[in-house]
Amino acid sequence: MTTSIVVRIDPELWALIPGYLANRRLDLANLPGLIDRADWAALVLLGHGMKGSGGSYGFDAISGFGACIERAALAGQAAVLREVAAALGDYLARVQLQPDN
């Protein structure tokens, strides 16, 4: 049994969250190809964007994953990037939303 990760979302942001999470799932889908091609610049940008946006939407963990992606890409650490991608995928699969009333 997989444990859910509950994230409380500001009601003013509620309508934006499905699109935000869909974009993070697209990022996740793109990670393996970027890693395989050693496209460090694209990985740095992807990670930096996640780092900056996650907390704004209430997803501090996504900001953390983004920071890890950015650091690992700057260091050319493909194995670390694969581990972070797996952890991000697990997080996105388990996250459950609740309005923060």
PDB file of N, CA and C in Angstrom:
ATOM      1  N   MET A   1       0.838  -1.177   0.000  1.00  0.00           N
ATOM      2  CA  MET A   1       0.000   0.000   0.000  1.00  0.00           C
ATOM      3  C   MET A   1       0.885   1.243   0.000  1.00  0.00           C
ATOM      4  N   THR A   2       0.553   2.190  -0.846  1.00  0.00           N
ATOM      5  CA  THR A   2       1.324   3.415  -0.961  1.00  0.00           C
ATOM      6  C   THR A   2       0.684   4.502  -0.113  1.00  0.00           C
ATOM      7  N   THR A   3       1.501   5.184   0.645  1.00  0.00           N
ATOM      8  CA  THR A   3       1.021   6.259   1.494  1.00  0.00           C
ATOM      9  C   THR A   3       0.901   7.541   0.689  1.00  0.00           C
ATOM     10  N   SER A   4      -0.231   8.205   0.839  1.00  0.00           N
ATOM     11  CA  SER A   4      -0.437   9.483   0.157  1.00  0.00           C
ATOM     12  C   SER A   4       0.393  10.576   0.810  1.00  0.00           C
ATOM     13  N   ILE A   5       0.721  11.570   0.024  1.00  0.00           N
ATOM     14  CA  ILE A   5       1.371  12.782   0.513  1.00  0.00           C
ATOM     15  C   ILE A   5       0.339  13.892   0.351  1.00  0.00           C
ATOM     16  N   VAL A   6      -0.152  14.405   1.459  1.00  0.00           N
ATOM     17  CA  VAL A   6      -1.200  15.421   1.421  1.00  0.00           C
ATOM     18  C   VAL A   6      -0.566  16.808   1.384  1.00  0.00           C
ATOM     19  N   VAL A   7      -0.996  17.595   0.408  1.00  0.00           N
ATOM     20  CA  VAL A   7      -0.540  18.980   0.280  1.00  0.00           C
ATOM     21  C   VAL A   7      -1.774  19.868   0.355  1.00  0.00           C
ATOM     22  N   ARG A   8      -1.731  20.813   1.272  1.00  0.00           N
ATOM     23  CA  ARG A   8      -2.834  21.751   1.439  1.00  0.00           C
ATOM     24  C   ARG A   8      -2.602  22.934   0.501  1.00  0.00           C
ATOM     25  N   ILE A   9      -3.628  23.235  -0.291  1.00  0.00           N
ATOM     26  CA  ILE A   9      -3.524  24.232  -1.351  1.00  0.00           C
ATOM     27  C   ILE A   9      -4.404  25.439  -1.029  1.00  0.00           C
ATOM     28  N   ASP A  10      -3.842  26.617  -1.210  1.00  0.00           N
ATOM     29  CA  ASP A  10      -4.594  27.860  -1.065  1.00  0.00           C
ATOM     30  C   ASP A  10      -5.762  27.829  -2.050  1.00  0.00           C
ATOM     31  N   PRO A  11      -6.988  28.069  -1.578  1.00  0.00           N
ATOM     32  CA  PRO A  11      -8.144  28.034  -2.487  1.00  0.00           C
ATOM     33  C   PRO A  11      -8.011  28.978  -3.686  1.00  0.00           C
ATOM     34  N   GLU A  12      -7.283  30.070  -3.535  1.00  0.00           N
ATOM     35  CA  GLU A  12      -7.100  30.997  -4.653  1.00  0.00           C
ATOM     36  C   GLU A  12      -6.246  30.386  -5.766  1.00  0.00           C
ATOM     37  N   LEU A  13      -5.460  29.381  -5.434  1.00  0.00           N
ATOM     38  CA  LEU A  13      -4.601  28.722  -6.423  1.00  0.00           C
ATOM     39  C   LEU A  13      -5.201  27.426  -6.955  1.00  0.00           C
ATOM     40  N   TRP A  14      -6.284  26.972  -6.356  1.00  0.00           N
ATOM     41  CA  TRP A  14      -6.845  25.651  -6.634  1.00  0.00           C
ATOM     42  C   TRP A  14      -7.007  25.383  -8.129  1.00  0.00           C
ATOM     43  N   ALA A  15      -7.549  26.327  -8.871  1.00  0.00           N
ATOM     44  CA  ALA A  15      -7.810  26.112 -10.300  1.00  0.00           C
ATOM     45  C   ALA A  15      -6.526  25.994 -11.119  1.00  0.00           C
ATOM     46  N   LEU A  16      -5.423  26.516 -10.603  1.00  0.00           N
ATOM     47  CA  LEU A  16      -4.151  26.476 -11.333  1.00  0.00           C
ATOM     48  C   LEU A  16      -3.377  25.174 -11.128  1.00  0.00           C
ATOM     49  N   ILE A  17      -3.711  24.454 -10.077  1.00  0.00           N
ATOM     50  CA  ILE A  17      -2.901  23.303  -9.668  1.00  0.00           C
ATOM     51  C   ILE A  17      -2.902  22.165 -10.686  1.00  0.00           C
ATOM     52  N   PRO A  18      -4.042  21.779 -11.275  1.00  0.00           N
ATOM     53  CA  PRO A  18      -3.975  20.684 -12.255  1.00  0.00           C
ATOM     54  C   PRO A  18      -3.001  20.970 -13.400  1.00  0.00           C
ATOM     55  N   GLY A  19      -3.002  22.178 -13.914  1.00  0.00           N
ATOM     56  CA  GLY A  19      -2.070  22.535 -14.980  1.00  0.00           C
ATOM     57  C   GLY A  19      -0.631  22.525 -14.507  1.00  0.00           C
ATOM     58  N   TYR A  20      -0.413  23.031 -13.293  1.00  0.00           N
ATOM     59  CA  TYR A  20       0.943  23.041 -12.749  1.00  0.00           C
ATOM     60  C   TYR A  20       1.475  21.615 -12.610  1.00  0.00           C
ATOM     61  N   LEU A  21       0.667  20.731 -12.032  1.00  0.00           N
ATOM     62  CA  LEU A  21       1.115  19.345 -11.861  1.00  0.00           C
ATOM     63  C   LEU A  21       1.268  18.635 -13.205  1.00  0.00           C
ATOM     64  N   ALA A  22       0.412  18.944 -14.169  1.00  0.00           N
ATOM     65  CA  ALA A  22       0.560  18.350 -15.507  1.00  0.00           C
ATOM     66  C   ALA A  22       1.894  18.759 -16.122  1.00  0.00           C
ATOM     67  N   ASN A  23       2.282  20.004 -15.928  1.00  0.00           N
ATOM     68  CA  ASN A  23       3.578  20.454 -16.444  1.00  0.00           C
ATOM     69  C   ASN A  23       4.743  19.780 -15.732  1.00  0.00           C
ATOM     70  N   ARG A  24       4.615  19.514 -14.456  1.00  0.00           N
ATOM     71  CA  ARG A  24       5.686  18.811 -13.746  1.00  0.00           C
ATOM     72  C   ARG A  24       5.767  17.366 -14.233  1.00  0.00           C
ATOM     73  N   ARG A  25       4.627  16.762 -14.574  1.00  0.00           N
ATOM     74  CA  ARG A  25       4.655  15.406 -15.130  1.00  0.00           C
ATOM     75  C   ARG A  25       5.319  15.401 -16.508  1.00  0.00           C
ATOM     76  N   LEU A  26       5.114  16.461 -17.275  1.00  0.00           N
ATOM     77  CA  LEU A  26       5.829  16.581 -18.556  1.00  0.00           C
ATOM     78  C   LEU A  26       7.326  16.725 -18.323  1.00  0.00           C
ATOM     79  N   ASP A  27       7.702  17.523 -17.329  1.00  0.00           N
ATOM     80  CA  ASP A  27       9.122  17.634 -16.977  1.00  0.00           C
ATOM     81  C   ASP A  27       9.686  16.259 -16.639  1.00  0.00           C
ATOM     82  N   LEU A  28       8.939  15.514 -15.834  1.00  0.00           N
ATOM     83  CA  LEU A  28       9.377  14.177 -15.439  1.00  0.00           C
ATOM     84  C   LEU A  28       9.555  13.281 -16.663  1.00  0.00           C
ATOM     85  N   ALA A  29       8.627  13.349 -17.602  1.00  0.00           N
ATOM     86  CA  ALA A  29       8.718  12.531 -18.816  1.00  0.00           C
ATOM     87  C   ALA A  29       9.923  12.924 -19.670  1.00  0.00           C
ATOM     88  N   ASN A  30      10.309  14.191 -19.624  1.00  0.00           N
ATOM     89  CA  ASN A  30      11.447  14.665 -20.420  1.00  0.00           C
ATOM     90  C   ASN A  30      12.799  14.393 -19.771  1.00  0.00           C
ATOM     91  N   LEU A  31      12.823  14.173 -18.476  1.00  0.00           N
ATOM     92  CA  LEU A  31      14.100  14.002 -17.777  1.00  0.00           C
ATOM     93  C   LEU A  31      14.974  12.885 -18.345  1.00  0.00           C
ATOM     94  N   PRO A  32      14.457  11.675 -18.573  1.00  0.00           N
ATOM     95  CA  PRO A  32      15.355  10.609 -19.052  1.00  0.00           C
ATOM     96  C   PRO A  32      16.074  10.959 -20.351  1.00  0.00           C
ATOM     97  N   GLY A  33      15.369  11.547 -21.300  1.00  0.00           N
ATOM     98  CA  GLY A  33      16.006  11.914 -22.563  1.00  0.00           C
ATOM     99  C   GLY A  33      17.072  12.983 -22.383  1.00  0.00           C
ATOM    100  N   LEU A  34      16.776  13.973 -21.549  1.00  0.00           N
ATOM    101  CA  LEU A  34      17.757  15.030 -21.287  1.00  0.00           C
ATOM    102  C   LEU A  34      18.996  14.459 -20.604  1.00  0.00           C
ATOM    103  N   ILE A  35      18.779  13.528 -19.685  1.00  0.00           N
ATOM    104  CA  ILE A  35      19.909  12.900 -18.987  1.00  0.00           C
ATOM    105  C   ILE A  35      20.716  12.056 -19.972  1.00  0.00           C
ATOM    106  N   ASP A  36      20.028  11.259 -20.791  1.00  0.00           N
ATOM    107  CA  ASP A  36      20.726  10.404 -21.761  1.00  0.00           C
ATOM    108  C   ASP A  36      21.567  11.219 -22.737  1.00  0.00           C
ATOM    109  N   ARG A  37      21.077  12.401 -23.108  1.00  0.00           N
ATOM    110  CA  ARG A  37      21.808  13.268 -24.043  1.00  0.00           C
ATOM    111  C   ARG A  37      22.815  14.165 -23.334  1.00  0.00           C
ATOM    112  N   ALA A  38      22.862  14.056 -22.018  1.00  0.00           N
ATOM    113  CA  ALA A  38      23.734  14.923 -21.207  1.00  0.00           C
ATOM    114  C   ALA A  38      23.496  16.394 -21.547  1.00  0.00           C
ATOM    115  N   ASP A  39      22.229  16.752 -21.659  1.00  0.00           N
ATOM    116  CA  ASP A  39      21.851  18.132 -21.969  1.00  0.00           C
ATOM    117  C   ASP A  39      21.804  18.920 -20.659  1.00  0.00           C
ATOM    118  N   TRP A  40      22.995  19.192 -20.147  1.00  0.00           N
ATOM    119  CA  TRP A  40      23.125  19.805 -18.822  1.00  0.00           C
ATOM    120  C   TRP A  40      22.446  21.167 -18.753  1.00  0.00           C
ATOM    121  N   ALA A  41      22.575  21.954 -19.818  1.00  0.00           N
ATOM    122  CA  ALA A  41      21.970  23.295 -19.812  1.00  0.00           C
ATOM    123  C   ALA A  41      20.448  23.213 -19.675  1.00  0.00           C
ATOM    124  N   ALA A  42      19.827  22.308 -20.428  1.00  0.00           N
ATOM    125  CA  ALA A  42      18.372  22.153 -20.340  1.00  0.00           C
ATOM    126  C   ALA A  42      17.967  21.628 -18.966  1.00  0.00           C
ATOM    127  N   LEU A  43      18.763  20.730 -18.416  1.00  0.00           N
ATOM    128  CA  LEU A  43      18.471  20.197 -17.084  1.00  0.00           C
ATOM    129  C   LEU A  43      18.601  21.274 -16.010  1.00  0.00           C
ATOM    130  N   VAL A  44      19.609  22.127 -16.139  1.00  0.00           N
ATOM    131  CA  VAL A  44      19.762  23.234 -15.184  1.00  0.00           C
ATOM    132  C   VAL A  44      18.533  24.132 -15.242  1.00  0.00           C
ATOM    133  N   LEU A  45      18.087  24.478 -16.448  1.00  0.00           N
ATOM    134  CA  LEU A  45      16.911  25.336 -16.594  1.00  0.00           C
ATOM    135  C   LEU A  45      15.657  24.676 -16.042  1.00  0.00           C
ATOM    136  N   LEU A  46      15.474  23.402 -16.336  1.00  0.00           N
ATOM    137  CA  LEU A  46      14.312  22.677 -15.833  1.00  0.00           C
ATOM    138  C   LEU A  46      14.323  22.668 -14.307  1.00  0.00           C
ATOM    139  N   GLY A  47      15.450  22.316 -13.727  1.00  0.00           N
ATOM    140  CA  GLY A  47      15.558  22.277 -12.272  1.00  0.00           C
ATOM    141  C   GLY A  47      15.361  23.643 -11.648  1.00  0.00           C
ATOM    142  N   HIS A  48      15.950  24.661 -12.249  1.00  0.00           N
ATOM    143  CA  HIS A  48      15.829  26.015 -11.715  1.00  0.00           C
ATOM    144  C   HIS A  48      14.370  26.477 -11.728  1.00  0.00           C
ATOM    145  N   GLY A  49      13.670  26.160 -12.804  1.00  0.00           N
ATOM    146  CA  GLY A  49      12.253  26.520 -12.895  1.00  0.00           C
ATOM    147  C   GLY A  49      11.416  25.841 -11.832  1.00  0.00           C
ATOM    148  N   MET A  50      11.665  24.556 -11.613  1.00  0.00           N
ATOM    149  CA  MET A  50      10.938  23.830 -10.569  1.00  0.00           C
ATOM    150  C   MET A  50      11.272  24.390  -9.195  1.00  0.00           C
ATOM    151  N   LYS A  51      12.535  24.681  -8.978  1.00  0.00           N
ATOM    152  CA  LYS A  51      12.979  25.225  -7.692  1.00  0.00           C
ATOM    153  C   LYS A  51      12.247  26.529  -7.395  1.00  0.00           C
ATOM    154  N   GLY A  52      12.109  27.359  -8.404  1.00  0.00           N
ATOM    155  CA  GLY A  52      11.480  28.653  -8.198  1.00  0.00           C
ATOM    156  C   GLY A  52       9.970  28.617  -8.110  1.00  0.00           C
ATOM    157  N   SER A  53       9.338  27.659  -8.753  1.00  0.00           N
ATOM    158  CA  SER A  53       7.872  27.665  -8.829  1.00  0.00           C
ATOM    159  C   SER A  53       7.177  26.814  -7.777  1.00  0.00           C
ATOM    160  N   GLY A  54       7.798  25.758  -7.333  1.00  0.00           N
ATOM    161  CA  GLY A  54       7.120  24.814  -6.444  1.00  0.00           C
ATOM    162  C   GLY A  54       6.493  25.450  -5.220  1.00  0.00           C
ATOM    163  N   GLY A  55       7.278  26.185  -4.477  1.00  0.00           N
ATOM    164  CA  GLY A  55       6.779  26.801  -3.254  1.00  0.00           C
ATOM    165  C   GLY A  55       5.672  27.800  -3.505  1.00  0.00           C
ATOM    166  N   SER A  56       5.711  28.470  -4.643  1.00  0.00           N
ATOM    167  CA  SER A  56       4.674  29.450  -4.975  1.00  0.00           C
ATOM    168  C   SER A  56       3.307  28.802  -5.112  1.00  0.00           C
ATOM    169  N   TYR A  57       3.287  27.540  -5.489  1.00  0.00           N
ATOM    170  CA  TYR A  57       2.036  26.810  -5.644  1.00  0.00           C
ATOM    171  C   TYR A  57       1.717  25.936  -4.431  1.00  0.00           C
ATOM    172  N   GLY A  58       2.564  25.959  -3.433  1.00  0.00           N
ATOM    173  CA  GLY A  58       2.339  25.161  -2.235  1.00  0.00           C
ATOM    174  C   GLY A  58       3.075  23.833  -2.227  1.00  0.00           C
ATOM    175  N   PHE A  59       3.965  23.615  -3.184  1.00  0.00           N
ATOM    176  CA  PHE A  59       4.687  22.352  -3.302  1.00  0.00           C
ATOM    177  C   PHE A  59       6.164  22.564  -2.974  1.00  0.00           C
ATOM    178  N   ASP A  60       6.460  22.703  -1.701  1.00  0.00           N
ATOM    179  CA  ASP A  60       7.849  22.902  -1.285  1.00  0.00           C
ATOM    180  C   ASP A  60       8.729  21.732  -1.712  1.00  0.00           C
ATOM    181  N   ALA A  61       8.165  20.525  -1.721  1.00  0.00           N
ATOM    182  CA  ALA A  61       8.947  19.355  -2.136  1.00  0.00           C
ATOM    183  C   ALA A  61       9.385  19.481  -3.594  1.00  0.00           C
ATOM    184  N   ILE A  62       8.521  20.022  -4.451  1.00  0.00           N
ATOM    185  CA  ILE A  62       8.893  20.193  -5.854  1.00  0.00           C
ATOM    186  C   ILE A  62      10.040  21.187  -5.967  1.00  0.00           C
ATOM    187  N   SER A  63      10.019  22.234  -5.148  1.00  0.00           N
ATOM    188  CA  SER A  63      11.155  23.163  -5.127  1.00  0.00           C
ATOM    189  C   SER A  63      12.429  22.428  -4.738  1.00  0.00           C
ATOM    190  N   GLY A  64      12.328  21.529  -3.777  1.00  0.00           N
ATOM    191  CA  GLY A  64      13.489  20.748  -3.360  1.00  0.00           C
ATOM    192  C   GLY A  64      14.004  19.840  -4.461  1.00  0.00           C
ATOM    193  N   PHE A  65      13.089  19.170  -5.157  1.00  0.00           N
ATOM    194  CA  PHE A  65      13.508  18.328  -6.283  1.00  0.00           C
ATOM    195  C   PHE A  65      14.182  19.177  -7.353  1.00  0.00           C
ATOM    196  N   GLY A  66      13.613  20.346  -7.618  1.00  0.00           N
ATOM    197  CA  GLY A  66      14.196  21.236  -8.618  1.00  0.00           C
ATOM    198  C   GLY A  66      15.604  21.661  -8.258  1.00  0.00           C
ATOM    199  N   ALA A  67      15.811  21.991  -6.979  1.00  0.00           N
ATOM    200  CA  ALA A  67      17.153  22.383  -6.526  1.00  0.00           C
ATOM    201  C   ALA A  67      18.137  21.236  -6.714  1.00  0.00           C
ATOM    202  N   CYS A  68      17.702  20.018  -6.404  1.00  0.00           N
ATOM    203  CA  CYS A  68      18.573  18.845  -6.578  1.00  0.00           C
ATOM    204  C   CYS A  68      18.905  18.622  -8.051  1.00  0.00           C
ATOM    205  N   ILE A  69      17.907  18.784  -8.916  1.00  0.00           N
ATOM    206  CA  ILE A  69      18.137  18.622 -10.355  1.00  0.00           C
ATOM    207  C   ILE A  69      19.129  19.667 -10.843  1.00  0.00           C
ATOM    208  N   GLU A  70      18.928  20.901 -10.427  1.00  0.00           N
ATOM    209  CA  GLU A  70      19.827  21.973 -10.857  1.00  0.00           C
ATOM    210  C   GLU A  70      21.259  21.697 -10.414  1.00  0.00           C
ATOM    211  N   ARG A  71      21.446  21.344  -9.143  1.00  0.00           N
ATOM    212  CA  ARG A  71      22.800  21.067  -8.625  1.00  0.00           C
ATOM    213  C   ARG A  71      23.451  19.893  -9.343  1.00  0.00           C
ATOM    214  N   ALA A  72      22.692  18.809  -9.505  1.00  0.00           N
ATOM    215  CA  ALA A  72      23.250  17.619 -10.148  1.00  0.00           C
ATOM    216  C   ALA A  72      23.597  17.893 -11.610  1.00  0.00           C
ATOM    217  N   ALA A  73      22.775  18.680 -12.287  1.00  0.00           N
ATOM    218  CA  ALA A  73      23.066  19.012 -13.686  1.00  0.00           C
ATOM    219  C   ALA A  73      24.316  19.875 -13.789  1.00  0.00           C
ATOM    220  N   LEU A  74      24.457  20.833 -12.887  1.00  0.00           N
ATOM    221  CA  LEU A  74      25.658  21.676 -12.894  1.00  0.00           C
ATOM    222  C   LEU A  74      26.922  20.849 -12.674  1.00  0.00           C
ATOM    223  N   ALA A  75      26.786  19.751 -11.923  1.00  0.00           N
ATOM    224  CA  ALA A  75      27.924  18.880 -11.635  1.00  0.00           C
ATOM    225  C   ALA A  75      28.046  17.724 -12.627  1.00  0.00           C
ATOM    226  N   GLY A  76      27.105  17.612 -13.576  1.00  0.00           N
ATOM    227  CA  GLY A  76      27.148  16.527 -14.551  1.00  0.00           C
ATOM    228  C   GLY A  76      26.939  15.157 -13.938  1.00  0.00           C
ATOM    229  N   GLN A  77      26.094  15.065 -12.937  1.00  0.00           N
ATOM    230  CA  GLN A  77      25.882  13.818 -12.195  1.00  0.00           C
ATOM    231  C   GLN A  77      24.631  13.091 -12.691  1.00  0.00           C
ATOM    232  N   ALA A  78      24.780  12.330 -13.756  1.00  0.00           N
ATOM    233  CA  ALA A  78      23.650  11.632 -14.361  1.00  0.00           C
ATOM    234  C   ALA A  78      22.996  10.647 -13.397  1.00  0.00           C
ATOM    235  N   ALA A  79      23.784   9.913 -12.625  1.00  0.00           N
ATOM    236  CA  ALA A  79      23.210   8.927 -11.703  1.00  0.00           C
ATOM    237  C   ALA A  79      22.341   9.609 -10.651  1.00  0.00           C
ATOM    238  N   VAL A  80      22.798  10.732 -10.140  1.00  0.00           N
ATOM    239  CA  VAL A  80      22.005  11.476  -9.155  1.00  0.00           C
ATOM    240  C   VAL A  80      20.718  11.978  -9.801  1.00  0.00           C
ATOM    241  N   LEU A  81      20.820  12.462 -11.022  1.00  0.00           N
ATOM    242  CA  LEU A  81      19.629  12.941 -11.725  1.00  0.00           C
ATOM    243  C   LEU A  81      18.600  11.831 -11.898  1.00  0.00           C
ATOM    244  N   ARG A  82      19.062  10.622 -12.190  1.00  0.00           N
ATOM    245  CA  ARG A  82      18.127   9.498 -12.329  1.00  0.00           C
ATOM    246  C   ARG A  82      17.442   9.190 -10.994  1.00  0.00           C
ATOM    247  N   GLU A  83      18.183   9.269  -9.904  1.00  0.00           N
ATOM    248  CA  GLU A  83      17.599   9.040  -8.577  1.00  0.00           C
ATOM    249  C   GLU A  83      16.565  10.109  -8.244  1.00  0.00           C
ATOM    250  N   VAL A  84      16.891  11.349  -8.536  1.00  0.00           N
ATOM    251  CA  VAL A  84      15.955  12.445  -8.257  1.00  0.00           C
ATOM    252  C   VAL A  84      14.709  12.305  -9.129  1.00  0.00           C
ATOM    253  N   ALA A  85      14.886  11.917 -10.382  1.00  0.00           N
ATOM    254  CA  ALA A  85      13.738  11.713 -11.268  1.00  0.00           C
ATOM    255  C   ALA A  85      12.820  10.627 -10.714  1.00  0.00           C
ATOM    256  N   ALA A  86      13.388   9.543 -10.216  1.00  0.00           N
ATOM    257  CA  ALA A  86      12.579   8.474  -9.632  1.00  0.00           C
ATOM    258  C   ALA A  86      11.827   8.977  -8.401  1.00  0.00           C
ATOM    259  N   ALA A  87      12.495   9.750  -7.569  1.00  0.00           N
ATOM    260  CA  ALA A  87      11.854  10.289  -6.367  1.00  0.00           C
ATOM    261  C   ALA A  87      10.748  11.277  -6.733  1.00  0.00           C
ATOM    262  N   LEU A  88      10.980  12.103  -7.742  1.00  0.00           N
ATOM    263  CA  LEU A  88       9.955  13.038  -8.204  1.00  0.00           C
ATOM    264  C   LEU A  88       8.747  12.273  -8.736  1.00  0.00           C
ATOM    265  N   GLY A  89       8.982  11.220  -9.500  1.00  0.00           N
ATOM    266  CA  GLY A  89       7.884  10.404 -10.014  1.00  0.00           C
ATOM    267  C   GLY A  89       7.068   9.793  -8.898  1.00  0.00           C
ATOM    268  N   ASP A  90       7.740   9.303  -7.869  1.00  0.00           N
ATOM    269  CA  ASP A  90       7.047   8.743  -6.712  1.00  0.00           C
ATOM    270  C   ASP A  90       6.205   9.813  -6.027  1.00  0.00           C
ATOM    271  N   TYR A  91       6.783  10.987  -5.842  1.00  0.00           N
ATOM    272  CA  TYR A  91       6.067  12.091  -5.204  1.00  0.00           C
ATOM    273  C   TYR A  91       4.815  12.452  -6.005  1.00  0.00           C
ATOM    274  N   LEU A  92       4.970  12.637  -7.310  1.00  0.00           N
ATOM    275  CA  LEU A  92       3.830  13.031  -8.138  1.00  0.00           C
ATOM    276  C   LEU A  92       2.742  11.961  -8.154  1.00  0.00           C
ATOM    277  N   ALA A  93       3.124  10.704  -8.044  1.00  0.00           N
ATOM    278  CA  ALA A  93       2.142   9.619  -8.011  1.00  0.00           C
ATOM    279  C   ALA A  93       1.378   9.584  -6.692  1.00  0.00           C
ATOM    280  N   ARG A  94       2.001  10.047  -5.627  1.00  0.00           N
ATOM    281  CA  ARG A  94       1.401   9.935  -4.294  1.00  0.00           C
ATOM    282  C   ARG A  94       0.736  11.204  -3.784  1.00  0.00           C
ATOM    283  N   VAL A  95       1.008  12.348  -4.406  1.00  0.00           N
ATOM    284  CA  VAL A  95       0.505  13.610  -3.872  1.00  0.00           C
ATOM    285  C   VAL A  95      -1.021  13.682  -3.986  1.00  0.00           C
ATOM    286  N   GLN A  96      -1.637  14.097  -2.899  1.00  0.00           N
ATOM    287  CA  GLN A  96      -3.083  14.300  -2.825  1.00  0.00           C
ATOM    288  C   GLN A  96      -3.326  15.731  -2.369  1.00  0.00           C
ATOM    289  N   LEU A  97      -4.298  16.378  -2.971  1.00  0.00           N
ATOM    290  CA  LEU A  97      -4.551  17.787  -2.694  1.00  0.00           C
ATOM    291  C   LEU A  97      -5.725  17.965  -1.742  1.00  0.00           C
ATOM    292  N   GLN A  98      -5.573  18.920  -0.851  1.00  0.00           N
ATOM    293  CA  GLN A  98      -6.665  19.325   0.034  1.00  0.00           C
ATOM    294  C   GLN A  98      -6.698  20.842   0.062  1.00  0.00           C
ATOM    295  N   PRO A  99      -7.912  21.423   0.027  1.00  0.00           N
ATOM    296  CA  PRO A  99      -7.977  22.876   0.146  1.00  0.00           C
ATOM    297  C   PRO A  99      -7.551  23.312   1.540  1.00  0.00           C
ATOM    298  N   ASP A 100      -6.822  24.394   1.602  1.00  0.00           N
ATOM    299  CA  ASP A 100      -6.361  24.948   2.876  1.00  0.00           C
ATOM    300  C   ASP A 100      -7.354  26.027   3.299  1.00  0.00           C
ATOM    301  N   ASN A 101      -8.388  25.600   3.996  1.00  0.00           N
ATOM    302  CA  ASN A 101      -9.451  26.538   4.402  1.00  0.00           C
ATOM    303  C   ASN A 101      -9.115  27.246   5.672  1.00  0.00           C
TER     304      ASN A 101
END
